[in-house]
Amino acid sequence: MEGIIFIGIQATGKSTFYKQKFFHTHLRLNLDMLNTRNKESQLLNTCLALHQRVVIDNTNPTVEDRRRYIHLFQKAKYKTVGYYFQSELEKSRYRNQQREGKARIPDIGIIATHKKLILPTYLEGFDELYYVQIVDQDFVITEWKDEI
């Protein structure tokens, strides 16, 4: 089984990437839909018990944020995969301005997440890590090299 953790500030393409790459194979969990960590934890534990492939579609900017998922994936003997989304502040703020309604978040939220963003490393327990960029409206995926 496979557990995927998305990493990156808001408006970097994470949810769109999920829809394009994993919609038909993995269940998507995120706090925008579930609203509380308790609901997220219950659903994640159910997925693990049922051996369901899962994508954690949150910002996960810190090692501590990612640790809870990595620990659970390892305990359930899941392959743990991370996708880091290029997190350029001004590009994300621009993409966010194109959003409407609840999808658009205040700039201060993007800035706050950017300030605490820590690049992932294999030392955290990932089995695979990838770097995702948006180039000409398409996602370009490359293997992680512990540097950007």
N, C-alpha and C. Protein backbone atom coordinates (compact mmCIF):
# COMPACT_ATOMS: atom_id res chain seq x y z
N MET A 1 0.83 -1.18 0.00
CA MET A 1 0.00 0.00 0.00
C MET A 1 0.87 1.24 0.00
N GLU A 2 0.24 2.37 -0.30
CA GLU A 2 0.99 3.60 -0.49
C GLU A 2 0.29 4.77 0.21
N GLY A 3 1.07 5.52 0.96
CA GLY A 3 0.60 6.75 1.57
C GLY A 3 1.40 7.91 1.01
N ILE A 4 0.70 8.90 0.49
CA ILE A 4 1.35 10.05 -0.14
C ILE A 4 1.09 11.30 0.69
N ILE A 5 2.14 12.07 0.88
CA ILE A 5 2.05 13.32 1.62
C ILE A 5 2.44 14.46 0.70
N PHE A 6 1.51 15.41 0.50
CA PHE A 6 1.82 16.61 -0.27
C PHE A 6 2.42 17.64 0.67
N ILE A 7 3.38 18.42 0.15
CA ILE A 7 4.08 19.44 0.92
C ILE A 7 4.18 20.69 0.06
N GLY A 8 3.74 21.81 0.59
CA GLY A 8 3.85 23.06 -0.15
C GLY A 8 2.83 24.07 0.32
N ILE A 9 3.12 25.33 0.08
CA ILE A 9 2.19 26.37 0.52
C ILE A 9 0.91 26.30 -0.31
N GLN A 10 -0.06 27.07 0.11
CA GLN A 10 -1.34 27.11 -0.57
C GLN A 10 -1.15 27.63 -2.00
N ALA A 11 -2.02 27.21 -2.89
CA ALA A 11 -2.05 27.67 -4.29
C ALA A 11 -0.79 27.29 -5.07
N THR A 12 -0.29 26.08 -4.80
CA THR A 12 0.85 25.56 -5.57
C THR A 12 0.43 24.42 -6.49
N GLY A 13 -0.85 24.09 -6.50
CA GLY A 13 -1.35 23.07 -7.42
C GLY A 13 -1.58 21.70 -6.81
N LYS A 14 -1.50 21.58 -5.51
CA LYS A 14 -1.60 20.27 -4.87
C LYS A 14 -2.92 19.55 -5.18
N SER A 15 -4.03 20.23 -5.00
CA SER A 15 -5.33 19.58 -5.22
C SER A 15 -5.57 19.27 -6.70
N THR A 16 -5.14 20.14 -7.57
CA THR A 16 -5.26 19.89 -9.01
C THR A 16 -4.39 18.70 -9.41
N PHE A 17 -3.19 18.63 -8.85
CA PHE A 17 -2.28 17.51 -9.10
C PHE A 17 -2.94 16.20 -8.65
N TYR A 18 -3.55 16.22 -7.47
CA TYR A 18 -4.25 15.03 -7.00
C TYR A 18 -5.31 14.59 -8.02
N LYS A 19 -6.12 15.53 -8.46
CA LYS A 19 -7.19 15.20 -9.40
C LYS A 19 -6.65 14.61 -10.69
N GLN A 20 -5.51 15.11 -11.16
CA GLN A 20 -4.92 14.62 -12.41
C GLN A 20 -4.20 13.29 -12.25
N LYS A 21 -3.54 13.09 -11.12
CA LYS A 21 -2.66 11.93 -10.98
C LYS A 21 -3.19 10.79 -10.10
N PHE A 22 -4.01 11.11 -9.11
CA PHE A 22 -4.36 10.10 -8.11
C PHE A 22 -5.86 9.92 -7.86
N PHE A 23 -6.70 10.67 -8.53
CA PHE A 23 -8.14 10.64 -8.28
C PHE A 23 -8.72 9.23 -8.37
N HIS A 24 -8.27 8.45 -9.31
CA HIS A 24 -8.84 7.12 -9.54
C HIS A 24 -8.19 6.02 -8.71
N THR A 25 -7.12 6.33 -7.99
CA THR A 25 -6.40 5.28 -7.27
C THR A 25 -6.25 5.51 -5.77
N HIS A 26 -6.35 6.76 -5.31
CA HIS A 26 -6.09 7.09 -3.91
C HIS A 26 -7.23 7.94 -3.34
N LEU A 27 -7.55 7.70 -2.08
CA LEU A 27 -8.52 8.53 -1.38
C LEU A 27 -7.81 9.81 -0.91
N ARG A 28 -8.46 10.94 -1.07
CA ARG A 28 -7.88 12.24 -0.70
C ARG A 28 -8.39 12.66 0.67
N LEU A 29 -7.45 12.99 1.57
CA LEU A 29 -7.79 13.53 2.87
C LEU A 29 -7.22 14.93 2.97
N ASN A 30 -8.04 15.88 3.39
CA ASN A 30 -7.51 17.22 3.68
C ASN A 30 -8.40 17.92 4.68
N LEU A 31 -7.79 18.86 5.38
CA LEU A 31 -8.51 19.56 6.43
C LEU A 31 -9.56 20.51 5.88
N ASP A 32 -9.41 20.97 4.65
CA ASP A 32 -10.44 21.84 4.06
C ASP A 32 -11.78 21.11 3.98
N MET A 33 -11.74 19.82 3.70
CA MET A 33 -12.97 19.04 3.58
C MET A 33 -13.44 18.51 4.94
N LEU A 34 -12.51 18.08 5.77
CA LEU A 34 -12.87 17.40 7.01
C LEU A 34 -13.00 18.34 8.22
N ASN A 35 -12.39 19.51 8.14
CA ASN A 35 -12.51 20.58 9.14
C ASN A 35 -11.80 20.37 10.47
N THR A 36 -11.60 19.14 10.92
CA THR A 36 -10.92 18.92 12.21
C THR A 36 -9.89 17.81 12.09
N ARG A 37 -8.87 17.90 12.92
CA ARG A 37 -7.85 16.84 12.97
C ARG A 37 -8.48 15.52 13.44
N ASN A 38 -9.46 15.60 14.32
CA ASN A 38 -10.10 14.38 14.81
C ASN A 38 -10.77 13.62 13.67
N LYS A 39 -11.53 14.32 12.83
CA LYS A 39 -12.19 13.66 11.70
C LYS A 39 -11.14 13.11 10.73
N GLU A 40 -10.09 13.90 10.50
CA GLU A 40 -9.02 13.44 9.60
C GLU A 40 -8.38 12.17 10.15
N SER A 41 -8.10 12.17 11.44
CA SER A 41 -7.47 11.00 12.08
C SER A 41 -8.37 9.77 11.98
N GLN A 42 -9.66 9.93 12.21
CA GLN A 42 -10.58 8.80 12.12
C GLN A 42 -10.61 8.23 10.70
N LEU A 43 -10.71 9.11 9.72
CA LEU A 43 -10.76 8.64 8.33
C LEU A 43 -9.44 8.00 7.91
N LEU A 44 -8.32 8.61 8.33
CA LEU A 44 -7.02 8.03 7.99
C LEU A 44 -6.86 6.65 8.62
N ASN A 45 -7.23 6.51 9.86
CA ASN A 45 -7.12 5.20 10.52
C ASN A 45 -8.00 4.16 9.85
N THR A 46 -9.16 4.57 9.38
CA THR A 46 -10.03 3.66 8.63
C THR A 46 -9.38 3.24 7.32
N CYS A 47 -8.80 4.21 6.63
CA CYS A 47 -8.09 3.90 5.38
C CYS A 47 -6.97 2.89 5.61
N LEU A 48 -6.20 3.10 6.66
CA LEU A 48 -5.09 2.20 6.96
C LEU A 48 -5.59 0.81 7.29
N ALA A 49 -6.66 0.73 8.07
CA ALA A 49 -7.23 -0.57 8.44
C ALA A 49 -7.75 -1.32 7.21
N LEU A 50 -8.24 -0.57 6.23
CA LEU A 50 -8.79 -1.19 5.01
C LEU A 50 -7.75 -1.34 3.90
N HIS A 51 -6.52 -0.94 4.18
CA HIS A 51 -5.44 -0.99 3.19
C HIS A 51 -5.77 -0.15 1.96
N GLN A 52 -6.32 1.02 2.19
CA GLN A 52 -6.69 1.95 1.13
C GLN A 52 -5.52 2.90 0.85
N ARG A 53 -5.18 3.07 -0.41
CA ARG A 53 -4.18 4.07 -0.78
C ARG A 53 -4.73 5.45 -0.45
N VAL A 54 -3.86 6.32 0.03
CA VAL A 54 -4.34 7.62 0.51
C VAL A 54 -3.35 8.73 0.17
N VAL A 55 -3.90 9.93 -0.08
CA VAL A 55 -3.11 11.14 -0.29
C VAL A 55 -3.49 12.13 0.80
N ILE A 56 -2.50 12.65 1.50
CA ILE A 56 -2.71 13.71 2.47
C ILE A 56 -2.49 15.02 1.74
N ASP A 57 -3.58 15.71 1.44
CA ASP A 57 -3.54 16.93 0.64
C ASP A 57 -3.68 18.16 1.55
N ASN A 58 -2.69 18.36 2.40
CA ASN A 58 -2.59 19.55 3.25
C ASN A 58 -1.27 20.22 2.90
N THR A 59 -0.98 21.36 3.53
CA THR A 59 0.28 22.05 3.25
C THR A 59 1.47 21.32 3.87
N ASN A 60 1.31 20.73 5.04
CA ASN A 60 2.36 19.96 5.72
C ASN A 60 3.72 20.65 5.66
N PRO A 61 3.81 21.91 6.14
CA PRO A 61 5.04 22.67 5.96
C PRO A 61 6.20 22.29 6.88
N THR A 62 5.93 21.65 8.00
CA THR A 62 7.01 21.36 8.95
C THR A 62 7.25 19.86 9.10
N VAL A 63 8.41 19.54 9.63
CA VAL A 63 8.75 18.15 9.90
C VAL A 63 7.72 17.55 10.86
N GLU A 64 7.31 18.33 11.86
CA GLU A 64 6.33 17.85 12.84
C GLU A 64 4.98 17.54 12.17
N ASP A 65 4.57 18.39 11.23
CA ASP A 65 3.31 18.15 10.52
C ASP A 65 3.36 16.82 9.77
N ARG A 66 4.47 16.54 9.15
CA ARG A 66 4.62 15.33 8.34
C ARG A 66 4.85 14.08 9.19
N ARG A 67 5.47 14.26 10.35
CA ARG A 67 5.85 13.13 11.20
C ARG A 67 4.65 12.26 11.57
N ARG A 68 3.51 12.87 11.89
CA ARG A 68 2.34 12.09 12.33
C ARG A 68 1.90 11.12 11.23
N TYR A 69 1.93 11.57 9.99
CA TYR A 69 1.51 10.71 8.87
C TYR A 69 2.57 9.64 8.58
N ILE A 70 3.82 10.06 8.55
CA ILE A 70 4.91 9.12 8.26
C ILE A 70 4.90 7.98 9.29
N HIS A 71 4.73 8.33 10.54
CA HIS A 71 4.70 7.31 11.60
C HIS A 71 3.57 6.31 11.36
N LEU A 72 2.37 6.83 11.07
CA LEU A 72 1.23 5.94 10.83
C LEU A 72 1.42 5.08 9.59
N PHE A 73 1.97 5.67 8.53
CA PHE A 73 2.21 4.90 7.30
C PHE A 73 3.23 3.79 7.55
N GLN A 74 4.30 4.13 8.26
CA GLN A 74 5.32 3.12 8.54
C GLN A 74 4.77 1.99 9.41
N LYS A 75 4.00 2.37 10.41
CA LYS A 75 3.40 1.38 11.31
C LYS A 75 2.49 0.42 10.54
N ALA A 76 1.79 0.95 9.53
CA ALA A 76 0.88 0.13 8.72
C ALA A 76 1.60 -0.54 7.55
N LYS A 77 2.93 -0.37 7.48
CA LYS A 77 3.76 -0.97 6.42
C LYS A 77 3.41 -0.43 5.03
N TYR A 78 3.08 0.84 4.98
CA TYR A 78 2.83 1.54 3.72
C TYR A 78 4.13 2.09 3.17
N LYS A 79 4.23 2.16 1.86
CA LYS A 79 5.31 2.92 1.24
C LYS A 79 4.93 4.39 1.43
N THR A 80 5.87 5.18 1.93
CA THR A 80 5.61 6.59 2.22
C THR A 80 6.27 7.46 1.16
N VAL A 81 5.45 8.21 0.43
CA VAL A 81 5.92 9.02 -0.69
C VAL A 81 5.59 10.48 -0.43
N GLY A 82 6.57 11.35 -0.65
CA GLY A 82 6.34 12.78 -0.50
C GLY A 82 6.45 13.50 -1.83
N TYR A 83 5.58 14.47 -2.03
CA TYR A 83 5.64 15.34 -3.20
C TYR A 83 5.74 16.77 -2.69
N TYR A 84 6.89 17.39 -2.95
CA TYR A 84 7.08 18.79 -2.59
C TYR A 84 6.73 19.66 -3.79
N PHE A 85 5.83 20.61 -3.58
CA PHE A 85 5.38 21.50 -4.64
C PHE A 85 6.14 22.82 -4.55
N GLN A 86 6.78 23.19 -5.66
CA GLN A 86 7.53 24.44 -5.70
C GLN A 86 6.68 25.53 -5.06
N SER A 87 7.24 26.19 -4.06
CA SER A 87 6.47 27.12 -3.24
C SER A 87 7.03 28.53 -3.33
N GLU A 88 6.87 29.12 -4.49
CA GLU A 88 7.30 30.51 -4.68
C GLU A 88 6.14 31.42 -4.24
N LEU A 89 6.42 32.25 -3.26
CA LEU A 89 5.38 33.04 -2.61
C LEU A 89 4.58 33.89 -3.59
N GLU A 90 5.24 34.65 -4.43
CA GLU A 90 4.50 35.56 -5.32
C GLU A 90 3.66 34.81 -6.36
N LYS A 91 4.18 33.71 -6.87
CA LYS A 91 3.40 32.91 -7.82
C LYS A 91 2.16 32.32 -7.15
N SER A 92 2.31 31.87 -5.93
CA SER A 92 1.18 31.31 -5.20
C SER A 92 0.15 32.39 -4.88
N ARG A 93 0.62 33.56 -4.49
CA ARG A 93 -0.32 34.66 -4.22
C ARG A 93 -1.08 35.03 -5.49
N TYR A 94 -0.40 35.03 -6.63
CA TYR A 94 -1.06 35.34 -7.90
C TYR A 94 -2.12 34.29 -8.23
N ARG A 95 -1.77 33.00 -8.11
CA ARG A 95 -2.74 31.94 -8.39
C ARG A 95 -3.93 32.03 -7.43
N ASN A 96 -3.66 32.37 -6.18
CA ASN A 96 -4.72 32.50 -5.19
C ASN A 96 -5.69 33.63 -5.58
N GLN A 97 -5.19 34.69 -6.16
CA GLN A 97 -6.04 35.80 -6.58
C GLN A 97 -7.01 35.39 -7.70
N GLN A 98 -6.67 34.33 -8.42
CA GLN A 98 -7.54 33.85 -9.49
C GLN A 98 -8.69 33.00 -8.94
N ARG A 99 -8.60 32.60 -7.69
CA ARG A 99 -9.63 31.78 -7.07
C ARG A 99 -10.83 32.64 -6.68
N GLU A 100 -11.96 31.97 -6.49
CA GLU A 100 -13.17 32.68 -6.10
C GLU A 100 -13.79 32.03 -4.86
N GLY A 101 -14.53 32.82 -4.13
CA GLY A 101 -15.27 32.32 -2.97
C GLY A 101 -14.37 31.76 -1.88
N LYS A 102 -14.80 30.65 -1.29
CA LYS A 102 -14.05 30.04 -0.19
C LYS A 102 -12.70 29.48 -0.62
N ALA A 103 -12.55 29.24 -1.90
CA ALA A 103 -11.28 28.71 -2.40
C ALA A 103 -10.15 29.72 -2.25
N ARG A 104 -10.50 31.00 -2.26
CA ARG A 104 -9.49 32.06 -2.11
C ARG A 104 -9.24 32.30 -0.62
N ILE A 105 -7.97 32.23 -0.25
CA ILE A 105 -7.63 32.42 1.16
C ILE A 105 -6.90 33.75 1.33
N PRO A 106 -6.94 34.32 2.52
CA PRO A 106 -6.23 35.58 2.75
C PRO A 106 -4.72 35.41 2.53
N ASP A 107 -4.10 36.43 1.94
CA ASP A 107 -2.65 36.38 1.69
C ASP A 107 -1.86 36.08 2.95
N ILE A 108 -2.33 36.56 4.07
CA ILE A 108 -1.59 36.34 5.32
C ILE A 108 -1.44 34.85 5.64
N GLY A 109 -2.42 34.05 5.24
CA GLY A 109 -2.33 32.60 5.46
C GLY A 109 -1.23 31.98 4.62
N ILE A 110 -1.11 32.40 3.36
CA ILE A 110 -0.05 31.90 2.49
C ILE A 110 1.31 32.33 3.01
N ILE A 111 1.41 33.58 3.42
CA ILE A 111 2.69 34.11 3.92
C ILE A 111 3.10 33.37 5.19
N ALA A 112 2.16 33.14 6.09
CA ALA A 112 2.47 32.43 7.34
C ALA A 112 2.95 31.01 7.08
N THR A 113 2.31 30.31 6.15
CA THR A 113 2.74 28.95 5.81
C THR A 113 4.12 28.98 5.18
N HIS A 114 4.36 29.94 4.30
CA HIS A 114 5.67 30.06 3.64
C HIS A 114 6.79 30.27 4.65
N LYS A 115 6.53 31.05 5.68
CA LYS A 115 7.55 31.35 6.70
C LYS A 115 7.96 30.10 7.49
N LYS A 116 7.04 29.17 7.66
CA LYS A 116 7.39 27.98 8.44
C LYS A 116 7.73 26.76 7.58
N LEU A 117 7.73 26.93 6.26
CA LEU A 117 7.99 25.83 5.34
C LEU A 117 9.43 25.32 5.48
N ILE A 118 9.55 24.03 5.72
CA ILE A 118 10.85 23.35 5.81
C ILE A 118 10.86 22.28 4.73
N LEU A 119 11.90 22.29 3.90
CA LEU A 119 12.00 21.29 2.84
C LEU A 119 12.07 19.89 3.43
N PRO A 120 11.41 18.93 2.80
CA PRO A 120 11.44 17.55 3.29
C PRO A 120 12.79 16.90 3.00
N THR A 121 13.09 15.85 3.74
CA THR A 121 14.30 15.05 3.48
C THR A 121 13.95 13.57 3.67
N TYR A 122 14.79 12.74 3.09
CA TYR A 122 14.61 11.30 3.27
C TYR A 122 14.78 10.89 4.74
N LEU A 123 15.53 11.67 5.50
CA LEU A 123 15.76 11.36 6.91
C LEU A 123 14.47 11.35 7.73
N GLU A 124 13.43 12.00 7.21
CA GLU A 124 12.13 12.01 7.91
C GLU A 124 11.45 10.65 7.84
N GLY A 125 11.87 9.80 6.89
CA GLY A 125 11.26 8.48 6.77
C GLY A 125 10.56 8.24 5.44
N PHE A 126 10.72 9.15 4.50
CA PHE A 126 10.11 8.95 3.18
C PHE A 126 10.84 7.82 2.45
N ASP A 127 10.08 7.00 1.75
CA ASP A 127 10.66 5.98 0.88
C ASP A 127 10.99 6.57 -0.49
N GLU A 128 10.16 7.53 -0.91
CA GLU A 128 10.38 8.24 -2.18
C GLU A 128 10.00 9.70 -1.97
N LEU A 129 10.73 10.58 -2.66
CA LEU A 129 10.44 12.02 -2.61
C LEU A 129 10.53 12.59 -4.01
N TYR A 130 9.61 13.50 -4.33
CA TYR A 130 9.59 14.12 -5.65
C TYR A 130 9.40 15.63 -5.52
N TYR A 131 9.85 16.33 -6.54
CA TYR A 131 9.72 17.77 -6.65
C TYR A 131 8.76 18.07 -7.79
N VAL A 132 7.74 18.89 -7.53
CA VAL A 132 6.72 19.19 -8.53
C VAL A 132 6.74 20.68 -8.84
N GLN A 133 6.82 20.99 -10.13
CA GLN A 133 6.77 22.37 -10.59
C GLN A 133 5.63 22.51 -11.59
N ILE A 134 5.11 23.72 -11.70
CA ILE A 134 4.15 24.02 -12.76
C ILE A 134 4.92 24.77 -13.84
N VAL A 135 4.96 24.17 -15.02
CA VAL A 135 5.67 24.77 -16.16
C VAL A 135 4.68 24.80 -17.33
N ASP A 136 4.39 25.99 -17.80
CA ASP A 136 3.45 26.16 -18.91
C ASP A 136 2.13 25.42 -18.66
N GLN A 137 1.58 25.59 -17.48
CA GLN A 137 0.28 25.01 -17.10
C GLN A 137 0.32 23.49 -16.90
N ASP A 138 1.49 22.87 -16.98
CA ASP A 138 1.62 21.43 -16.78
C ASP A 138 2.48 21.14 -15.56
N PHE A 139 2.25 19.99 -14.95
CA PHE A 139 3.07 19.57 -13.83
C PHE A 139 4.29 18.83 -14.34
N VAL A 140 5.45 19.23 -13.83
CA VAL A 140 6.71 18.56 -14.13
C VAL A 140 7.21 17.95 -12.83
N ILE A 141 7.40 16.63 -12.85
CA ILE A 141 7.81 15.90 -11.66
C ILE A 141 9.25 15.42 -11.84
N THR A 142 10.11 15.71 -10.85
CA THR A 142 11.47 15.21 -10.88
C THR A 142 11.78 14.56 -9.54
N GLU A 143 12.76 13.66 -9.56
CA GLU A 143 13.17 13.03 -8.32
C GLU A 143 13.84 14.05 -7.40
N TRP A 144 13.65 13.86 -6.11
CA TRP A 144 14.19 14.76 -5.09
C TRP A 144 15.70 14.63 -5.01
N LYS A 145 16.37 15.77 -4.84
CA LYS A 145 17.83 15.77 -4.75
C LYS A 145 18.34 16.44 -3.48
N ASP A 146 17.48 16.60 -2.46
CA ASP A 146 17.82 17.27 -1.19
C ASP A 146 18.30 18.69 -1.38
N GLU A 147 17.88 19.32 -2.47
CA GLU A 147 18.17 20.71 -2.70
C GLU A 147 17.21 21.22 -3.76
N ILE A 148 17.03 22.50 -3.77
CA ILE A 148 16.15 23.11 -4.77
C ILE A 148 16.96 24.07 -5.61
